[in-house]
Amino acid sequence: MMEIVKFNDGEIAYDFSPFFKIYKHGYIERCVPIIKVPPSHELPTSLQSKDVLITTEPPISARIFMPQMTKLNSKLPVLIYIHGGGFALRSPFDPIYQKYVASIVTEANVIAVSIEYRLAPEHPIPTGYEDSWTSLRWVASHANGHGPEPWLNIHGDFSRVFLAGDSAGANIAYNLAVRIRSVLPKMNLAGMILMHPFFLGSKLDKMWFYLCPRNGGLKDSRFKPAAEDMATTGCERVLVFLAGRDKLKNAGRSYYEELKKCGWEGNVEMVEHDGVGHVFHLLKPRCEQALDMMKRLVSFINQEPVIISWTSKI
């Protein structure tokens, strides 16, 4: 257990700054406020966005972005984006993610579904994983053109679906990718983009174990990717971004090295940007390294699609 320290008129039982603090009497203080803006907030007029309700029980929603369409029934790649924040902060409705996902949509010419999963510690892990899995299945329900969302039915190209996430969102994206092959055969996951992934191997390990009361210890495959799971990654291409000053850098590099030798037959690329810290691309999206990151991300999405065939196990 972490040391109890004094803070104003209360006692802090757990201090996981810069994410959150929990007081002995149960109050949760987030170090970064959760801000939410409407879909059209500060977006260019050429970009459309709206919010959709994926389920009511539990309450899961998403924000969808679509670029300006030049042809009435043209098809675009589908990007499923999962935000970071240590499983406890942020939202796709946060201005930072609103702007960043909108930039990807504009630059890569894709439809994006940015997932709103329930946050820990009020909703402990695995809630974030399961909410994201429910959202992924909801997106996949449009592969035959008969899902509940017209934008995806009409314009989604389900031979070119991409999973992307940063930090905790990258961890969730990875965990979805190792499940997808056996249960969603109609949706082709063309690639996965992991930005500064949150895996075992840093000072933040204690926070993940706290947020996940029922865990498998240091060998928990959700936090420490196992070779047998990585070998089932349900796409042919993976792109891993690292930051030179990020405390999660070594864990991300370890994932990259293990993926190359686990028996997975796809192609993985790693890009490290020197002199910058964790999720720098969200905080300084116009800096030189962030612009390079966006360029590489867009190029990864717009490569010629790789069509995969497999048989569902269910």
C-alpha atoms as a PDB file:
ATOM      1  CA  MET A   1       0.000   0.000   0.000  1.00  0.00           C
ATOM      2  CA  MET A   2       1.190   3.496  -0.788  1.00  0.00           C
ATOM      3  CA  GLU A   3       2.138   5.888   1.997  1.00  0.00           C
ATOM      4  CA  ILE A   4      -0.726   8.022   3.367  1.00  0.00           C
ATOM      5  CA  VAL A   5       0.052  11.740   3.181  1.00  0.00           C
ATOM      6  CA  LYS A   6      -1.750  14.865   4.365  1.00  0.00           C
ATOM      7  CA  PHE A   7      -3.531  17.109   1.878  1.00  0.00           C
ATOM      8  CA  ASN A   8      -5.527  20.120   3.066  1.00  0.00           C
ATOM      9  CA  ASP A   9      -8.278  18.888   5.401  1.00  0.00           C
ATOM     10  CA  GLY A  10      -8.191  15.247   4.267  1.00  0.00           C
ATOM     11  CA  GLU A  11      -5.842  12.315   4.101  1.00  0.00           C
ATOM     12  CA  ILE A  12      -4.766  10.871   0.780  1.00  0.00           C
ATOM     13  CA  ALA A  13      -4.776   7.105   0.752  1.00  0.00           C
ATOM     14  CA  TYR A  14      -3.471   6.725  -2.823  1.00  0.00           C
ATOM     15  CA  ASP A  15      -1.643   9.354  -4.833  1.00  0.00           C
ATOM     16  CA  PHE A  16      -1.366   8.537  -8.522  1.00  0.00           C
ATOM     17  CA  SER A  17      -0.483  12.021  -9.715  1.00  0.00           C
ATOM     18  CA  PRO A  18      -0.656  13.335 -12.417  1.00  0.00           C
ATOM     19  CA  PHE A  19      -3.766  11.205 -12.915  1.00  0.00           C
ATOM     20  CA  PHE A  20      -5.807  11.096  -9.709  1.00  0.00           C
ATOM     21  CA  LYS A  21      -5.756  10.944  -5.914  1.00  0.00           C
ATOM     22  CA  ILE A  22      -8.038   8.979  -3.636  1.00  0.00           C
ATOM     23  CA  TYR A  23      -8.762  10.220  -0.122  1.00  0.00           C
ATOM     24  CA  LYS A  24      -9.322   7.947   2.866  1.00  0.00           C
ATOM     25  CA  HIS A  25     -12.985   8.918   3.003  1.00  0.00           C
ATOM     26  CA  GLY A  26     -13.402   7.785  -0.629  1.00  0.00           C
ATOM     27  CA  TYR A  27     -13.344  11.092  -2.529  1.00  0.00           C
ATOM     28  CA  ILE A  28     -11.632  10.863  -5.945  1.00  0.00           C
ATOM     29  CA  GLU A  29      -9.765  13.954  -7.106  1.00  0.00           C
ATOM     30  CA  ARG A  30      -8.748  13.942 -10.776  1.00  0.00           C
ATOM     31  CA  CYS A  31      -5.646  15.976 -11.502  1.00  0.00           C
ATOM     32  CA  VAL A  32      -6.984  16.919 -14.934  1.00  0.00           C
ATOM     33  CA  PRO A  33     -10.643  17.951 -15.222  1.00  0.00           C
ATOM     34  CA  ILE A  34     -12.805  16.008 -17.666  1.00  0.00           C
ATOM     35  CA  ILE A  35     -13.955  18.558 -20.243  1.00  0.00           C
ATOM     36  CA  LYS A  36     -16.507  17.778 -22.934  1.00  0.00           C
ATOM     37  CA  VAL A  37     -17.435  19.931 -25.923  1.00  0.00           C
ATOM     38  CA  PRO A  38     -20.195  19.455 -28.540  1.00  0.00           C
ATOM     39  CA  PRO A  39     -19.432  17.611 -31.809  1.00  0.00           C
ATOM     40  CA  SER A  40     -19.067  20.710 -33.961  1.00  0.00           C
ATOM     41  CA  HIS A  41     -16.831  22.621 -31.532  1.00  0.00           C
ATOM     42  CA  GLU A  42     -14.085  24.451 -33.474  1.00  0.00           C
ATOM     43  CA  LEU A  43     -14.169  22.010 -36.367  1.00  0.00           C
ATOM     44  CA  PRO A  44     -13.724  23.116 -40.004  1.00  0.00           C
ATOM     45  CA  THR A  45     -16.966  23.344 -41.968  1.00  0.00           C
ATOM     46  CA  SER A  46     -15.682  20.657 -44.359  1.00  0.00           C
ATOM     47  CA  LEU A  47     -15.822  18.106 -41.532  1.00  0.00           C
ATOM     48  CA  GLN A  48     -18.984  16.541 -40.136  1.00  0.00           C
ATOM     49  CA  SER A  49     -19.255  15.048 -36.663  1.00  0.00           C
ATOM     50  CA  LYS A  50     -21.946  13.711 -34.372  1.00  0.00           C
ATOM     51  CA  ASP A  51     -22.393  11.629 -31.238  1.00  0.00           C
ATOM     52  CA  VAL A  52     -23.994   8.195 -31.220  1.00  0.00           C
ATOM     53  CA  LEU A  53     -25.267   5.993 -28.398  1.00  0.00           C
ATOM     54  CA  ILE A  54     -23.865   2.489 -28.728  1.00  0.00           C
ATOM     55  CA  THR A  55     -25.708   0.996 -25.762  1.00  0.00           C
ATOM     56  CA  THR A  56     -27.824   2.352 -22.929  1.00  0.00           C
ATOM     57  CA  GLU A  57     -27.040  -0.480 -20.493  1.00  0.00           C
ATOM     58  CA  PRO A  58     -24.208   0.076 -19.892  1.00  0.00           C
ATOM     59  CA  PRO A  59     -24.044   3.654 -21.211  1.00  0.00           C
ATOM     60  CA  ILE A  60     -21.455   3.656 -23.998  1.00  0.00           C
ATOM     61  CA  SER A  61     -21.221   6.313 -26.685  1.00  0.00           C
ATOM     62  CA  ALA A  62     -18.873   7.516 -29.420  1.00  0.00           C
ATOM     63  CA  ARG A  63     -18.148  10.552 -31.539  1.00  0.00           C
ATOM     64  CA  ILE A  64     -18.078   9.964 -35.296  1.00  0.00           C
ATOM     65  CA  PHE A  65     -16.175  12.164 -37.755  1.00  0.00           C
ATOM     66  CA  MET A  66     -16.560  12.187 -41.523  1.00  0.00           C
ATOM     67  CA  PRO A  67     -14.665  14.305 -44.072  1.00  0.00           C
ATOM     68  CA  GLN A  68     -16.331  16.153 -46.892  1.00  0.00           C
ATOM     69  CA  MET A  69     -17.501  13.634 -49.483  1.00  0.00           C
ATOM     70  CA  THR A  70     -16.737  14.399 -53.130  1.00  0.00           C
ATOM     71  CA  LYS A  71     -18.706  11.393 -54.421  1.00  0.00           C
ATOM     72  CA  LEU A  72     -22.169  10.457 -53.176  1.00  0.00           C
ATOM     73  CA  ASN A  73     -21.527   6.787 -52.379  1.00  0.00           C
ATOM     74  CA  SER A  74     -17.737   6.676 -52.101  1.00  0.00           C
ATOM     75  CA  LYS A  75     -16.171   4.347 -49.533  1.00  0.00           C
ATOM     76  CA  LEU A  76     -13.575   5.407 -46.957  1.00  0.00           C
ATOM     77  CA  PRO A  77     -11.365   3.531 -44.482  1.00  0.00           C
ATOM     78  CA  VAL A  78     -12.784   3.301 -40.959  1.00  0.00           C
ATOM     79  CA  LEU A  79     -10.609   4.339 -38.010  1.00  0.00           C
ATOM     80  CA  ILE A  80     -11.590   3.240 -34.498  1.00  0.00           C
ATOM     81  CA  TYR A  81      -9.812   5.536 -32.034  1.00  0.00           C
ATOM     82  CA  ILE A  82      -9.405   4.852 -28.303  1.00  0.00           C
ATOM     83  CA  HIS A  83      -8.280   7.742 -26.135  1.00  0.00           C
ATOM     84  CA  GLY A  84      -5.621   7.606 -23.424  1.00  0.00           C
ATOM     85  CA  GLY A  85      -5.511   9.027 -19.921  1.00  0.00           C
ATOM     86  CA  GLY A  86      -4.371   6.143 -17.724  1.00  0.00           C
ATOM     87  CA  PHE A  87      -7.838   4.521 -17.904  1.00  0.00           C
ATOM     88  CA  ALA A  88      -8.985   7.338 -15.602  1.00  0.00           C
ATOM     89  CA  LEU A  89      -8.877  10.609 -17.570  1.00  0.00           C
ATOM     90  CA  ARG A  90     -10.006  12.247 -20.807  1.00  0.00           C
ATOM     91  CA  SER A  91     -12.800  11.559 -23.257  1.00  0.00           C
ATOM     92  CA  PRO A  92     -13.323  11.606 -27.031  1.00  0.00           C
ATOM     93  CA  PHE A  93     -15.402  14.717 -26.314  1.00  0.00           C
ATOM     94  CA  ASP A  94     -12.358  16.475 -24.794  1.00  0.00           C
ATOM     95  CA  PRO A  95     -11.147  19.383 -26.985  1.00  0.00           C
ATOM     96  CA  ILE A  96      -7.698  17.770 -27.272  1.00  0.00           C
ATOM     97  CA  TYR A  97      -9.074  14.546 -28.736  1.00  0.00           C
ATOM     98  CA  GLN A  98     -11.745  16.351 -30.719  1.00  0.00           C
ATOM     99  CA  LYS A  99      -9.035  18.279 -32.566  1.00  0.00           C
ATOM    100  CA  TYR A 100      -6.581  15.426 -32.946  1.00  0.00           C
ATOM    101  CA  VAL A 101      -9.007  12.848 -34.303  1.00  0.00           C
ATOM    102  CA  ALA A 102     -10.495  15.493 -36.599  1.00  0.00           C
ATOM    103  CA  SER A 103      -6.977  16.156 -37.929  1.00  0.00           C
ATOM    104  CA  ILE A 104      -6.472  12.476 -38.720  1.00  0.00           C
ATOM    105  CA  VAL A 105      -9.839  12.375 -40.498  1.00  0.00           C
ATOM    106  CA  THR A 106      -8.935  15.398 -42.609  1.00  0.00           C
ATOM    107  CA  GLU A 107      -5.378  14.308 -43.428  1.00  0.00           C
ATOM    108  CA  ALA A 108      -6.052  10.609 -44.045  1.00  0.00           C
ATOM    109  CA  ASN A 109      -9.570  10.962 -45.526  1.00  0.00           C
ATOM    110  CA  VAL A 110     -11.170   8.402 -43.219  1.00  0.00           C
ATOM    111  CA  ILE A 111     -14.300   7.982 -41.130  1.00  0.00           C
ATOM    112  CA  ALA A 112     -13.371   7.894 -37.447  1.00  0.00           C
ATOM    113  CA  VAL A 113     -15.264   6.426 -34.505  1.00  0.00           C
ATOM    114  CA  SER A 114     -13.820   7.788 -31.255  1.00  0.00           C
ATOM    115  CA  ILE A 115     -14.953   5.650 -28.303  1.00  0.00           C
ATOM    116  CA  GLU A 116     -16.211   6.908 -24.936  1.00  0.00           C
ATOM    117  CA  TYR A 117     -15.539   4.117 -22.425  1.00  0.00           C
ATOM    118  CA  ARG A 118     -16.336   4.367 -18.720  1.00  0.00           C
ATOM    119  CA  LEU A 119     -13.426   5.543 -16.595  1.00  0.00           C
ATOM    120  CA  ALA A 120     -11.652   4.012 -13.625  1.00  0.00           C
ATOM    121  CA  PRO A 121     -11.427   4.037 -10.649  1.00  0.00           C
ATOM    122  CA  GLU A 122     -15.238   4.389 -10.426  1.00  0.00           C
ATOM    123  CA  HIS A 123     -15.439   1.682 -13.101  1.00  0.00           C
ATOM    124  CA  PRO A 124     -12.418  -0.571 -12.487  1.00  0.00           C
ATOM    125  CA  ILE A 125     -10.566  -2.420 -15.202  1.00  0.00           C
ATOM    126  CA  PRO A 126     -11.678  -4.432 -17.197  1.00  0.00           C
ATOM    127  CA  THR A 127     -14.589  -1.987 -17.785  1.00  0.00           C
ATOM    128  CA  GLY A 128     -12.613   0.089 -20.295  1.00  0.00           C
ATOM    129  CA  TYR A 129     -11.663  -3.037 -22.242  1.00  0.00           C
ATOM    130  CA  GLU A 130     -15.199  -4.415 -22.305  1.00  0.00           C
ATOM    131  CA  ASP A 131     -16.809  -1.083 -23.258  1.00  0.00           C
ATOM    132  CA  SER A 132     -14.334  -0.779 -26.123  1.00  0.00           C
ATOM    133  CA  TRP A 133     -15.015  -4.361 -27.220  1.00  0.00           C
ATOM    134  CA  THR A 134     -18.757  -3.636 -27.236  1.00  0.00           C
ATOM    135  CA  SER A 135     -18.042  -0.550 -29.350  1.00  0.00           C
ATOM    136  CA  LEU A 136     -15.871  -2.541 -31.758  1.00  0.00           C
ATOM    137  CA  ARG A 137     -18.646  -5.075 -32.249  1.00  0.00           C
ATOM    138  CA  TRP A 138     -21.081  -2.202 -32.845  1.00  0.00           C
ATOM    139  CA  VAL A 139     -18.821  -0.848 -35.598  1.00  0.00           C
ATOM    140  CA  ALA A 140     -18.509  -4.348 -37.076  1.00  0.00           C
ATOM    141  CA  SER A 141     -22.313  -4.648 -37.225  1.00  0.00           C
ATOM    142  CA  HIS A 142     -22.188  -2.208 -40.165  1.00  0.00           C
ATOM    143  CA  ALA A 143     -19.987  -4.468 -42.315  1.00  0.00           C
ATOM    144  CA  ASN A 144     -23.024  -5.821 -44.190  1.00  0.00           C
ATOM    145  CA  GLY A 145     -24.471  -2.326 -44.678  1.00  0.00           C
ATOM    146  CA  HIS A 146     -27.345  -2.839 -42.237  1.00  0.00           C
ATOM    147  CA  GLY A 147     -26.055  -1.295 -39.014  1.00  0.00           C
ATOM    148  CA  PRO A 148     -27.750   1.533 -37.081  1.00  0.00           C
ATOM    149  CA  GLU A 149     -25.418   4.330 -38.297  1.00  0.00           C
ATOM    150  CA  PRO A 150     -25.945   5.555 -41.920  1.00  0.00           C
ATOM    151  CA  TRP A 151     -22.495   7.124 -42.258  1.00  0.00           C
ATOM    152  CA  LEU A 152     -20.866   3.749 -41.657  1.00  0.00           C
ATOM    153  CA  ASN A 153     -23.381   1.821 -43.761  1.00  0.00           C
ATOM    154  CA  ILE A 154     -23.009   4.084 -46.788  1.00  0.00           C
ATOM    155  CA  HIS A 155     -19.390   5.234 -46.631  1.00  0.00           C
ATOM    156  CA  GLY A 156     -17.458   2.734 -44.473  1.00  0.00           C
ATOM    157  CA  ASP A 157     -15.028   0.435 -46.266  1.00  0.00           C
ATOM    158  CA  PHE A 158     -14.875  -2.585 -43.973  1.00  0.00           C
ATOM    159  CA  SER A 159     -11.981  -4.114 -45.866  1.00  0.00           C
ATOM    160  CA  ARG A 160      -9.927  -1.205 -44.480  1.00  0.00           C
ATOM    161  CA  VAL A 161     -10.579  -0.866 -40.755  1.00  0.00           C
ATOM    162  CA  PHE A 162      -7.860   0.499 -38.456  1.00  0.00           C
ATOM    163  CA  LEU A 163      -7.503   0.459 -34.678  1.00  0.00           C
ATOM    164  CA  ALA A 164      -5.581   3.306 -33.066  1.00  0.00           C
ATOM    165  CA  GLY A 165      -4.999   4.552 -29.560  1.00  0.00           C
ATOM    166  CA  ASP A 166      -2.550   6.423 -27.382  1.00  0.00           C
ATOM    167  CA  SER A 167      -1.199   5.408 -23.963  1.00  0.00           C
ATOM    168  CA  ALA A 168      -3.960   3.472 -22.151  1.00  0.00           C
ATOM    169  CA  GLY A 169      -5.967   3.616 -25.379  1.00  0.00           C
ATOM    170  CA  ALA A 170      -3.106   1.864 -27.174  1.00  0.00           C
ATOM    171  CA  ASN A 171      -3.167  -0.842 -24.516  1.00  0.00           C
ATOM    172  CA  ILE A 172      -6.905  -1.303 -25.077  1.00  0.00           C
ATOM    173  CA  ALA A 173      -6.448  -1.326 -28.866  1.00  0.00           C
ATOM    174  CA  TYR A 174      -3.865  -4.106 -28.583  1.00  0.00           C
ATOM    175  CA  ASN A 175      -6.186  -6.166 -26.382  1.00  0.00           C
ATOM    176  CA  LEU A 176      -8.999  -5.788 -28.921  1.00  0.00           C
ATOM    177  CA  ALA A 177      -6.742  -6.807 -31.789  1.00  0.00           C
ATOM    178  CA  VAL A 178      -5.816 -10.137 -30.198  1.00  0.00           C
ATOM    179  CA  ARG A 179      -9.529 -10.974 -29.782  1.00  0.00           C
ATOM    180  CA  ILE A 180     -10.865  -9.795 -33.115  1.00  0.00           C
ATOM    181  CA  ARG A 181      -9.769 -12.569 -35.462  1.00  0.00           C
ATOM    182  CA  SER A 182     -11.921 -15.364 -34.039  1.00  0.00           C
ATOM    183  CA  VAL A 183     -15.180 -13.457 -33.552  1.00  0.00           C
ATOM    184  CA  LEU A 184     -15.469 -10.708 -36.176  1.00  0.00           C
ATOM    185  CA  PRO A 185     -14.561 -12.375 -39.489  1.00  0.00           C
ATOM    186  CA  LYS A 186     -16.628  -9.999 -41.638  1.00  0.00           C
ATOM    187  CA  MET A 187     -14.570  -6.952 -40.696  1.00  0.00           C
ATOM    188  CA  ASN A 188     -11.008  -6.804 -41.987  1.00  0.00           C
ATOM    189  CA  LEU A 189      -8.669  -5.130 -39.524  1.00  0.00           C
ATOM    190  CA  ALA A 190      -6.108  -3.762 -41.940  1.00  0.00           C
ATOM    191  CA  GLY A 191      -3.786  -2.269 -39.354  1.00  0.00           C
ATOM    192  CA  MET A 192      -3.194  -1.087 -35.804  1.00  0.00           C
ATOM    193  CA  ILE A 193      -1.488   2.107 -34.627  1.00  0.00           C
ATOM    194  CA  LEU A 194      -0.141   2.213 -31.068  1.00  0.00           C
ATOM    195  CA  MET A 195       1.020   5.616 -29.830  1.00  0.00           C
ATOM    196  CA  HIS A 196       3.179   5.511 -26.691  1.00  0.00           C
ATOM    197  CA  PRO A 197       1.473   2.333 -25.417  1.00  0.00           C
ATOM    198  CA  PHE A 198       0.922   1.782 -21.694  1.00  0.00           C
ATOM    199  CA  PHE A 199       2.322  -1.676 -20.905  1.00  0.00           C
ATOM    200  CA  LEU A 200       4.090  -3.204 -17.905  1.00  0.00           C
ATOM    201  CA  GLY A 201       7.512  -1.762 -17.256  1.00  0.00           C
ATOM    202  CA  SER A 202       7.327   1.731 -15.746  1.00  0.00           C
ATOM    203  CA  LYS A 203       6.621   3.617 -12.517  1.00  0.00           C
ATOM    204  CA  LEU A 204       2.937   3.575 -13.483  1.00  0.00           C
ATOM    205  CA  ASP A 205       2.645  -0.188 -13.005  1.00  0.00           C
ATOM    206  CA  LYS A 206       1.217   0.222  -9.490  1.00  0.00           C
ATOM    207  CA  MET A 207      -1.599   2.382 -10.838  1.00  0.00           C
ATOM    208  CA  TRP A 208      -2.716  -0.249 -13.356  1.00  0.00           C
ATOM    209  CA  PHE A 209      -2.789  -2.951 -10.686  1.00  0.00           C
ATOM    210  CA  TYR A 210      -4.746  -0.648  -8.378  1.00  0.00           C
ATOM    211  CA  LEU A 211      -7.286   0.055 -11.131  1.00  0.00           C
ATOM    212  CA  CYS A 212      -7.578  -3.666 -11.860  1.00  0.00           C
ATOM    213  CA  PRO A 213      -8.325  -5.361  -8.508  1.00  0.00           C
ATOM    214  CA  ARG A 214      -8.735  -8.774 -10.143  1.00  0.00           C
ATOM    215  CA  ASN A 215      -5.447  -9.104 -11.950  1.00  0.00           C
ATOM    216  CA  GLY A 216      -2.991 -11.814 -12.831  1.00  0.00           C
ATOM    217  CA  GLY A 217       0.031 -10.120 -11.326  1.00  0.00           C
ATOM    218  CA  LEU A 218       3.156  -9.398 -13.312  1.00  0.00           C
ATOM    219  CA  LYS A 219       2.122 -11.942 -15.940  1.00  0.00           C
ATOM    220  CA  ASP A 220      -1.330 -10.456 -16.586  1.00  0.00           C
ATOM    221  CA  SER A 221      -1.540 -10.679 -20.382  1.00  0.00           C
ATOM    222  CA  ARG A 222      -3.628  -7.516 -20.657  1.00  0.00           C
ATOM    223  CA  PHE A 223      -0.781  -5.466 -19.213  1.00  0.00           C
ATOM    224  CA  LYS A 224       2.217  -7.635 -20.097  1.00  0.00           C
ATOM    225  CA  PRO A 225       1.488  -8.913 -23.642  1.00  0.00           C
ATOM    226  CA  ALA A 226       2.059 -12.648 -23.883  1.00  0.00           C
ATOM    227  CA  ALA A 227       3.705 -14.204 -26.938  1.00  0.00           C
ATOM    228  CA  GLU A 228       0.775 -16.545 -27.578  1.00  0.00           C
ATOM    229  CA  ASP A 229      -1.627 -13.579 -27.590  1.00  0.00           C
ATOM    230  CA  MET A 230       0.569 -11.390 -29.775  1.00  0.00           C
ATOM    231  CA  ALA A 231       0.780 -14.213 -32.299  1.00  0.00           C
ATOM    232  CA  THR A 232      -3.004 -13.960 -32.801  1.00  0.00           C
ATOM    233  CA  THR A 233      -2.991 -10.203 -33.503  1.00  0.00           C
ATOM    234  CA  GLY A 234      -5.788  -9.870 -36.053  1.00  0.00           C
ATOM    235  CA  CYS A 235      -4.139  -7.615 -38.628  1.00  0.00           C
ATOM    236  CA  GLU A 236      -1.251  -7.709 -41.060  1.00  0.00           C
ATOM    237  CA  ARG A 237       0.394  -4.391 -40.140  1.00  0.00           C
ATOM    238  CA  VAL A 238       1.255  -2.637 -36.865  1.00  0.00           C
ATOM    239  CA  LEU A 239       2.815   0.787 -36.353  1.00  0.00           C
ATOM    240  CA  VAL A 240       4.284   1.637 -32.937  1.00  0.00           C
ATOM    241  CA  PHE A 241       5.202   5.204 -31.979  1.00  0.00           C
ATOM    242  CA  LEU A 242       7.581   5.925 -29.079  1.00  0.00           C
ATOM    243  CA  ALA A 243       8.827   9.166 -27.543  1.00  0.00           C
ATOM    244  CA  GLY A 244      12.420   9.591 -26.405  1.00  0.00           C
ATOM    245  CA  ARG A 245      11.574  11.184 -23.051  1.00  0.00           C
ATOM    246  CA  ASP A 246       8.595   8.964 -22.267  1.00  0.00           C
ATOM    247  CA  LYS A 247       8.758   6.757 -19.149  1.00  0.00           C
ATOM    248  CA  LEU A 248       6.701   4.194 -21.098  1.00  0.00           C
ATOM    249  CA  LYS A 249       9.252   4.044 -23.936  1.00  0.00           C
ATOM    250  CA  ASN A 250      11.055   0.871 -22.817  1.00  0.00           C
ATOM    251  CA  ALA A 251       7.799  -1.051 -22.361  1.00  0.00           C
ATOM    252  CA  GLY A 252       6.720  -0.007 -25.854  1.00  0.00           C
ATOM    253  CA  ARG A 253      10.034  -1.068 -27.349  1.00  0.00           C
ATOM    254  CA  SER A 254       9.786  -4.414 -25.560  1.00  0.00           C
ATOM    255  CA  TYR A 255       6.347  -4.969 -27.100  1.00  0.00           C
ATOM    256  CA  TYR A 256       7.750  -4.184 -30.550  1.00  0.00           C
ATOM    257  CA  GLU A 257      10.671  -6.602 -30.139  1.00  0.00           C
ATOM    258  CA  GLU A 258       8.470  -9.394 -28.790  1.00  0.00           C
ATOM    259  CA  LEU A 259       5.911  -8.963 -31.570  1.00  0.00           C
ATOM    260  CA  LYS A 260       8.625  -9.497 -34.183  1.00  0.00           C
ATOM    261  CA  LYS A 261       9.613 -12.885 -32.767  1.00  0.00           C
ATOM    262  CA  CYS A 262       6.352 -14.285 -31.330  1.00  0.00           C
ATOM    263  CA  GLY A 263       5.288 -16.111 -34.491  1.00  0.00           C
ATOM    264  CA  TRP A 264       2.945 -13.410 -35.773  1.00  0.00           C
ATOM    265  CA  GLU A 265       3.323 -13.230 -39.553  1.00  0.00           C
ATOM    266  CA  GLY A 266       2.544  -9.554 -40.077  1.00  0.00           C
ATOM    267  CA  ASN A 267       4.758  -6.501 -40.499  1.00  0.00           C
ATOM    268  CA  VAL A 268       5.543  -4.163 -37.597  1.00  0.00           C
ATOM    269  CA  GLU A 269       7.272  -0.791 -37.761  1.00  0.00           C
ATOM    270  CA  MET A 270       8.524   1.312 -34.854  1.00  0.00           C
ATOM    271  CA  VAL A 271       9.131   5.068 -34.979  1.00  0.00           C
ATOM    272  CA  GLU A 272      10.773   6.921 -32.086  1.00  0.00           C
ATOM    273  CA  HIS A 273      10.817  10.697 -31.821  1.00  0.00           C
ATOM    274  CA  ASP A 274      13.738  12.070 -29.803  1.00  0.00           C
ATOM    275  CA  GLY A 275      13.559  14.970 -27.387  1.00  0.00           C
ATOM    276  CA  VAL A 276       9.827  14.776 -26.663  1.00  0.00           C
ATOM    277  CA  GLY A 277       7.678  13.231 -23.950  1.00  0.00           C
ATOM    278  CA  HIS A 278       4.546  11.161 -23.537  1.00  0.00           C
ATOM    279  CA  VAL A 279       1.685  12.056 -25.937  1.00  0.00           C
ATOM    280  CA  PHE A 280       3.551  15.161 -27.101  1.00  0.00           C
ATOM    281  CA  HIS A 281       1.529  15.041 -30.342  1.00  0.00           C
ATOM    282  CA  LEU A 282      -1.659  15.845 -28.411  1.00  0.00           C
ATOM    283  CA  LEU A 283      -0.117  18.677 -26.415  1.00  0.00           C
ATOM    284  CA  LYS A 284       1.905  20.253 -29.251  1.00  0.00           C
ATOM    285  CA  PRO A 285       0.265  19.056 -32.482  1.00  0.00           C
ATOM    286  CA  ARG A 286       2.079  21.587 -34.662  1.00  0.00           C
ATOM    287  CA  CYS A 287       5.618  20.815 -33.499  1.00  0.00           C
ATOM    288  CA  GLU A 288       8.026  19.234 -35.987  1.00  0.00           C
ATOM    289  CA  GLN A 289       7.882  15.756 -34.421  1.00  0.00           C
ATOM    290  CA  ALA A 290       4.057  15.787 -34.238  1.00  0.00           C
ATOM    291  CA  LEU A 291       3.807  16.765 -37.902  1.00  0.00           C
ATOM    292  CA  ASP A 292       6.165  13.917 -38.795  1.00  0.00           C
ATOM    293  CA  MET A 293       4.063  11.542 -36.688  1.00  0.00           C
ATOM    294  CA  MET A 294       0.893  12.591 -38.494  1.00  0.00           C
ATOM    295  CA  LYS A 295       2.582  12.167 -41.865  1.00  0.00           C
ATOM    296  CA  ARG A 296       3.666   8.620 -41.002  1.00  0.00           C
ATOM    297  CA  LEU A 297       0.250   7.749 -39.556  1.00  0.00           C
ATOM    298  CA  VAL A 298      -1.531   8.949 -42.697  1.00  0.00           C
ATOM    299  CA  SER A 299       0.893   7.044 -44.923  1.00  0.00           C
ATOM    300  CA  PHE A 300       0.301   3.874 -42.893  1.00  0.00           C
ATOM    301  CA  ILE A 301      -3.478   4.144 -43.315  1.00  0.00           C
ATOM    302  CA  ASN A 302      -3.349   4.944 -47.016  1.00  0.00           C
ATOM    303  CA  GLN A 303      -1.138   2.036 -48.073  1.00  0.00           C
ATOM    304  CA  GLU A 304      -2.680  -0.525 -50.391  1.00  0.00           C
ATOM    305  CA  PRO A 305      -5.035  -2.718 -48.345  1.00  0.00           C
ATOM    306  CA  VAL A 306      -4.037  -6.251 -47.400  1.00  0.00           C
ATOM    307  CA  ILE A 307      -6.990  -8.631 -47.605  1.00  0.00           C
ATOM    308  CA  ILE A 308      -6.961 -11.350 -44.956  1.00  0.00           C
ATOM    309  CA  SER A 309      -9.026 -14.533 -44.987  1.00  0.00           C
ATOM    310  CA  TRP A 310      -9.877 -16.568 -41.906  1.00  0.00           C
ATOM    311  CA  THR A 311     -12.646 -18.722 -40.589  1.00  0.00           C
ATOM    312  CA  SER A 312     -14.639 -17.747 -37.512  1.00  0.00           C
ATOM    313  CA  LYS A 313     -14.372 -20.096 -34.552  1.00  0.00           C
ATOM    314  CA  ILE A 314     -17.930 -19.458 -33.417  1.00  0.00           C
END
